[in-house]
Amino acid sequence: MTVEEEKADERDFGWSLGVLLRALHGSMGRVLKDFPHGPRGYLTLSTVVHGDQPSQLALAAHLGIDRTVMTYLIDDLVEAGLVERRPNPADRRQRKIVPTERGVTVLGELERRVRAIEDHVLRSLSPEERESFRGMLRRVACGVADVDAGTDPCDVVDELLGGERRR
């Protein structure tokens, strides 16, 4: 493969990711516009419901969100009745973020809506190909997740999409 061909492949990969991000970002923005902190809040609630981070600090590190920003984000999710802070039974100095019943219910509905958006964005693939693509993408993302753990994924998306920073 020539240098020119390699550069074209890199450009095509980046262009493809950019197109997918723009399509997903626009559609998800409409669905999550009234949700606290939009996609970042949704991702946080999803991680709280499906994950097991021992503390707010661990949650922030896992998601690559600045701990100060995470404090405000959790405050807003608490205010919305979606999560609550509880003492961590393993370390009473820490606060564990746990979902409320309402948070689990709201997330279930949002997950269905987000999945429909994803399926629409990936409509050129068969349902089997979509699942395969999601699995491969997850594997690749997990393989590079530690490249810069201090970088907020939402900031990367905002930068790629040329958007304003949301807090």
C-alpha atoms as a PDB file:
ATOM      1  CA  MET A   1       0.000   0.000   0.000  1.00  0.00           C
ATOM      2  CA  THR A   2       1.394   3.406  -0.942  1.00  0.00           C
ATOM      3  CA  VAL A   3       1.610   6.369   1.435  1.00  0.00           C
ATOM      4  CA  GLU A   4      -1.156   8.091  -0.524  1.00  0.00           C
ATOM      5  CA  GLU A   5      -3.431   5.047  -0.148  1.00  0.00           C
ATOM      6  CA  GLU A   6      -2.725   4.877   3.604  1.00  0.00           C
ATOM      7  CA  LYS A   7      -3.574   8.566   4.012  1.00  0.00           C
ATOM      8  CA  ALA A   8      -6.787   8.108   2.029  1.00  0.00           C
ATOM      9  CA  ASP A   9      -7.778   5.184   4.283  1.00  0.00           C
ATOM     10  CA  GLU A  10      -7.136   7.273   7.408  1.00  0.00           C
ATOM     11  CA  ARG A  11      -9.153  10.155   6.005  1.00  0.00           C
ATOM     12  CA  ASP A  12     -12.019   7.848   5.073  1.00  0.00           C
ATOM     13  CA  PHE A  13     -12.039   6.317   8.572  1.00  0.00           C
ATOM     14  CA  GLY A  14     -12.088   9.730  10.241  1.00  0.00           C
ATOM     15  CA  TRP A  15     -14.672  11.057   7.828  1.00  0.00           C
ATOM     16  CA  SER A  16     -16.861   8.009   8.461  1.00  0.00           C
ATOM     17  CA  LEU A  17     -16.629   8.413  12.230  1.00  0.00           C
ATOM     18  CA  GLY A  18     -17.360  12.123  11.922  1.00  0.00           C
ATOM     19  CA  VAL A  19     -20.483  11.499   9.843  1.00  0.00           C
ATOM     20  CA  LEU A  20     -21.717   8.889  12.335  1.00  0.00           C
ATOM     21  CA  LEU A  21     -21.015  11.183  15.289  1.00  0.00           C
ATOM     22  CA  ARG A  22     -22.856  14.102  13.698  1.00  0.00           C
ATOM     23  CA  ALA A  23     -25.877  11.951  12.871  1.00  0.00           C
ATOM     24  CA  LEU A  24     -25.969  10.405  16.333  1.00  0.00           C
ATOM     25  CA  HIS A  25     -25.278  13.688  18.133  1.00  0.00           C
ATOM     26  CA  GLY A  26     -28.056  15.547  16.326  1.00  0.00           C
ATOM     27  CA  SER A  27     -30.676  12.868  16.898  1.00  0.00           C
ATOM     28  CA  MET A  28     -29.695  12.192  20.503  1.00  0.00           C
ATOM     29  CA  GLY A  29     -29.618  15.906  21.239  1.00  0.00           C
ATOM     30  CA  ARG A  30     -33.292  16.126  20.324  1.00  0.00           C
ATOM     31  CA  VAL A  31     -34.252  13.110  22.451  1.00  0.00           C
ATOM     32  CA  LEU A  32     -32.133  14.153  25.457  1.00  0.00           C
ATOM     33  CA  LYS A  33     -32.633  17.933  25.264  1.00  0.00           C
ATOM     34  CA  ASP A  34     -34.672  18.032  28.478  1.00  0.00           C
ATOM     35  CA  PHE A  35     -32.566  15.466  30.341  1.00  0.00           C
ATOM     36  CA  PRO A  36     -30.114  16.889  32.913  1.00  0.00           C
ATOM     37  CA  HIS A  37     -26.783  17.453  31.092  1.00  0.00           C
ATOM     38  CA  GLY A  38     -28.078  15.793  27.913  1.00  0.00           C
ATOM     39  CA  PRO A  39     -25.997  12.885  26.564  1.00  0.00           C
ATOM     40  CA  ARG A  40     -23.418  13.249  29.359  1.00  0.00           C
ATOM     41  CA  GLY A  41     -26.159  12.904  31.987  1.00  0.00           C
ATOM     42  CA  TYR A  42     -27.666   9.956  30.122  1.00  0.00           C
ATOM     43  CA  LEU A  43     -24.295   8.185  29.980  1.00  0.00           C
ATOM     44  CA  THR A  44     -23.774   8.860  33.688  1.00  0.00           C
ATOM     45  CA  LEU A  45     -27.190   7.491  34.650  1.00  0.00           C
ATOM     46  CA  SER A  46     -26.630   4.452  32.432  1.00  0.00           C
ATOM     47  CA  THR A  47     -23.283   3.773  34.106  1.00  0.00           C
ATOM     48  CA  VAL A  48     -24.820   4.164  37.570  1.00  0.00           C
ATOM     49  CA  VAL A  49     -27.637   1.734  36.719  1.00  0.00           C
ATOM     50  CA  HIS A  50     -25.525  -0.850  34.877  1.00  0.00           C
ATOM     51  CA  GLY A  51     -22.136  -0.410  36.553  1.00  0.00           C
ATOM     52  CA  ASP A  52     -20.762  -0.726  40.030  1.00  0.00           C
ATOM     53  CA  GLN A  53     -18.480   2.217  40.686  1.00  0.00           C
ATOM     54  CA  PRO A  54     -17.690   2.418  44.426  1.00  0.00           C
ATOM     55  CA  SER A  55     -17.710   6.219  44.631  1.00  0.00           C
ATOM     56  CA  GLN A  56     -18.537   9.423  42.820  1.00  0.00           C
ATOM     57  CA  LEU A  57     -14.812   9.913  42.187  1.00  0.00           C
ATOM     58  CA  ALA A  58     -14.514   6.425  40.659  1.00  0.00           C
ATOM     59  CA  LEU A  59     -17.556   7.139  38.501  1.00  0.00           C
ATOM     60  CA  ALA A  60     -15.972  10.364  37.249  1.00  0.00           C
ATOM     61  CA  ALA A  61     -12.700   8.580  36.476  1.00  0.00           C
ATOM     62  CA  HIS A  62     -14.489   5.735  34.696  1.00  0.00           C
ATOM     63  CA  LEU A  63     -16.398   8.156  32.470  1.00  0.00           C
ATOM     64  CA  GLY A  64     -13.456  10.523  31.961  1.00  0.00           C
ATOM     65  CA  ILE A  65     -15.392  13.446  33.428  1.00  0.00           C
ATOM     66  CA  ASP A  66     -13.682  16.079  35.562  1.00  0.00           C
ATOM     67  CA  ARG A  67     -14.588  15.459  39.222  1.00  0.00           C
ATOM     68  CA  THR A  68     -15.808  19.037  39.671  1.00  0.00           C
ATOM     69  CA  VAL A  69     -18.126  18.727  36.682  1.00  0.00           C
ATOM     70  CA  MET A  70     -19.258  15.343  38.000  1.00  0.00           C
ATOM     71  CA  THR A  71     -20.326  16.948  41.291  1.00  0.00           C
ATOM     72  CA  TYR A  72     -22.678  19.353  39.489  1.00  0.00           C
ATOM     73  CA  LEU A  73     -23.906  16.620  37.168  1.00  0.00           C
ATOM     74  CA  ILE A  74     -24.748  14.313  40.090  1.00  0.00           C
ATOM     75  CA  ASP A  75     -26.363  17.217  41.968  1.00  0.00           C
ATOM     76  CA  ASP A  76     -28.696  17.730  38.994  1.00  0.00           C
ATOM     77  CA  LEU A  77     -29.474  14.010  38.678  1.00  0.00           C
ATOM     78  CA  VAL A  78     -30.249  13.924  42.429  1.00  0.00           C
ATOM     79  CA  GLU A  79     -32.488  16.974  42.077  1.00  0.00           C
ATOM     80  CA  ALA A  80     -34.329  15.235  39.226  1.00  0.00           C
ATOM     81  CA  GLY A  81     -34.905  12.202  41.484  1.00  0.00           C
ATOM     82  CA  LEU A  82     -32.862   9.869  39.251  1.00  0.00           C
ATOM     83  CA  VAL A  83     -29.983   8.983  41.615  1.00  0.00           C
ATOM     84  CA  GLU A  84     -28.993   9.444  45.223  1.00  0.00           C
ATOM     85  CA  ARG A  85     -25.768   9.548  47.172  1.00  0.00           C
ATOM     86  CA  ARG A  86     -25.377   6.907  49.864  1.00  0.00           C
ATOM     87  CA  PRO A  87     -22.496   6.096  52.175  1.00  0.00           C
ATOM     88  CA  ASN A  88     -20.363   3.339  50.675  1.00  0.00           C
ATOM     89  CA  PRO A  89     -20.672   0.342  53.023  1.00  0.00           C
ATOM     90  CA  ALA A  90     -17.079  -0.647  52.228  1.00  0.00           C
ATOM     91  CA  ASP A  91     -15.710   2.855  53.009  1.00  0.00           C
ATOM     92  CA  ARG A  92     -17.985   5.234  54.924  1.00  0.00           C
ATOM     93  CA  ARG A  93     -15.848   8.213  53.818  1.00  0.00           C
ATOM     94  CA  GLN A  94     -17.026   7.700  50.249  1.00  0.00           C
ATOM     95  CA  ARG A  95     -20.415   8.312  48.678  1.00  0.00           C
ATOM     96  CA  LYS A  96     -21.727   5.707  46.282  1.00  0.00           C
ATOM     97  CA  ILE A  97     -24.089   6.930  43.577  1.00  0.00           C
ATOM     98  CA  VAL A  98     -27.104   4.636  43.278  1.00  0.00           C
ATOM     99  CA  PRO A  99     -30.129   4.841  40.995  1.00  0.00           C
ATOM    100  CA  THR A 100     -33.574   5.503  42.323  1.00  0.00           C
ATOM    101  CA  GLU A 101     -36.536   3.474  41.142  1.00  0.00           C
ATOM    102  CA  ARG A 102     -37.520   6.466  39.029  1.00  0.00           C
ATOM    103  CA  GLY A 103     -34.002   6.616  37.575  1.00  0.00           C
ATOM    104  CA  VAL A 104     -34.168   2.976  36.478  1.00  0.00           C
ATOM    105  CA  THR A 105     -37.581   3.539  34.883  1.00  0.00           C
ATOM    106  CA  VAL A 106     -36.521   6.739  33.092  1.00  0.00           C
ATOM    107  CA  LEU A 107     -33.320   5.098  31.862  1.00  0.00           C
ATOM    108  CA  GLY A 108     -35.258   2.125  30.474  1.00  0.00           C
ATOM    109  CA  GLU A 109     -37.424   4.452  28.387  1.00  0.00           C
ATOM    110  CA  LEU A 110     -34.447   6.526  27.241  1.00  0.00           C
ATOM    111  CA  GLU A 111     -32.494   3.389  26.302  1.00  0.00           C
ATOM    112  CA  ARG A 112     -35.349   2.298  24.037  1.00  0.00           C
ATOM    113  CA  ARG A 113     -35.417   5.717  22.370  1.00  0.00           C
ATOM    114  CA  VAL A 114     -31.618   5.868  22.013  1.00  0.00           C
ATOM    115  CA  ARG A 115     -31.555   2.339  20.582  1.00  0.00           C
ATOM    116  CA  ALA A 116     -34.143   3.403  17.977  1.00  0.00           C
ATOM    117  CA  ILE A 117     -31.897   6.353  17.053  1.00  0.00           C
ATOM    118  CA  GLU A 118     -28.873   4.077  16.768  1.00  0.00           C
ATOM    119  CA  ASP A 119     -30.832   1.652  14.598  1.00  0.00           C
ATOM    120  CA  HIS A 120     -31.918   4.540  12.371  1.00  0.00           C
ATOM    121  CA  VAL A 121     -28.335   5.822  12.035  1.00  0.00           C
ATOM    122  CA  LEU A 122     -27.140   2.280  11.275  1.00  0.00           C
ATOM    123  CA  ARG A 123     -30.101   1.477   9.009  1.00  0.00           C
ATOM    124  CA  SER A 124     -27.826   0.574   6.079  1.00  0.00           C
ATOM    125  CA  LEU A 125     -26.748  -2.497   8.081  1.00  0.00           C
ATOM    126  CA  SER A 126     -28.867  -5.565   8.762  1.00  0.00           C
ATOM    127  CA  PRO A 127     -29.882  -6.125  12.407  1.00  0.00           C
ATOM    128  CA  GLU A 128     -27.178  -8.809  12.712  1.00  0.00           C
ATOM    129  CA  GLU A 129     -24.558  -6.464  11.230  1.00  0.00           C
ATOM    130  CA  ARG A 130     -25.614  -3.712  13.661  1.00  0.00           C
ATOM    131  CA  GLU A 131     -25.016  -6.000  16.634  1.00  0.00           C
ATOM    132  CA  SER A 132     -21.684  -7.100  15.214  1.00  0.00           C
ATOM    133  CA  PHE A 133     -20.694  -3.474  14.540  1.00  0.00           C
ATOM    134  CA  ARG A 134     -21.687  -2.439  18.074  1.00  0.00           C
ATOM    135  CA  GLY A 135     -19.656  -5.300  19.524  1.00  0.00           C
ATOM    136  CA  MET A 136     -16.577  -4.511  17.469  1.00  0.00           C
ATOM    137  CA  LEU A 137     -16.857  -0.798  18.218  1.00  0.00           C
ATOM    138  CA  ARG A 138     -17.166  -1.520  21.957  1.00  0.00           C
ATOM    139  CA  ARG A 139     -14.098  -3.785  21.788  1.00  0.00           C
ATOM    140  CA  VAL A 140     -12.052  -1.141  19.976  1.00  0.00           C
ATOM    141  CA  ALA A 141     -13.198   1.594  22.377  1.00  0.00           C
ATOM    142  CA  CYS A 142     -12.303  -0.519  25.416  1.00  0.00           C
ATOM    143  CA  GLY A 143      -8.927  -1.208  23.855  1.00  0.00           C
ATOM    144  CA  VAL A 144      -8.086   2.486  23.652  1.00  0.00           C
ATOM    145  CA  ALA A 145     -10.031   3.720  26.690  1.00  0.00           C
ATOM    146  CA  ASP A 146      -6.841   4.129  28.693  1.00  0.00           C
ATOM    147  CA  VAL A 147      -5.051   6.248  26.077  1.00  0.00           C
ATOM    148  CA  ASP A 148      -5.948   9.449  27.921  1.00  0.00           C
ATOM    149  CA  ALA A 149      -8.213   8.655  30.850  1.00  0.00           C
ATOM    150  CA  GLY A 150      -8.313  12.338  31.818  1.00  0.00           C
ATOM    151  CA  THR A 151     -10.009  13.371  28.586  1.00  0.00           C
ATOM    152  CA  ASP A 152     -13.767  13.755  28.837  1.00  0.00           C
ATOM    153  CA  PRO A 153     -15.331  11.835  25.911  1.00  0.00           C
ATOM    154  CA  CYS A 154     -18.026  14.513  25.624  1.00  0.00           C
ATOM    155  CA  ASP A 155     -15.314  17.149  25.124  1.00  0.00           C
ATOM    156  CA  VAL A 156     -13.818  15.067  22.321  1.00  0.00           C
ATOM    157  CA  VAL A 157     -17.209  14.799  20.612  1.00  0.00           C
ATOM    158  CA  ASP A 158     -17.846  18.522  21.071  1.00  0.00           C
ATOM    159  CA  GLU A 159     -14.470  19.320  19.552  1.00  0.00           C
ATOM    160  CA  LEU A 160     -15.006  16.958  16.627  1.00  0.00           C
ATOM    161  CA  LEU A 161     -18.443  18.394  15.957  1.00  0.00           C
ATOM    162  CA  GLY A 162     -17.311  21.982  16.390  1.00  0.00           C
ATOM    163  CA  GLY A 163     -19.882  22.519  19.125  1.00  0.00           C
ATOM    164  CA  GLU A 164     -19.907  24.631  22.233  1.00  0.00           C
ATOM    165  CA  ARG A 165     -18.849  23.179  25.527  1.00  0.00           C
ATOM    166  CA  ARG A 166     -21.812  22.124  27.671  1.00  0.00           C
ATOM    167  CA  ARG A 167     -21.682  22.054  31.444  1.00  0.00           C
END
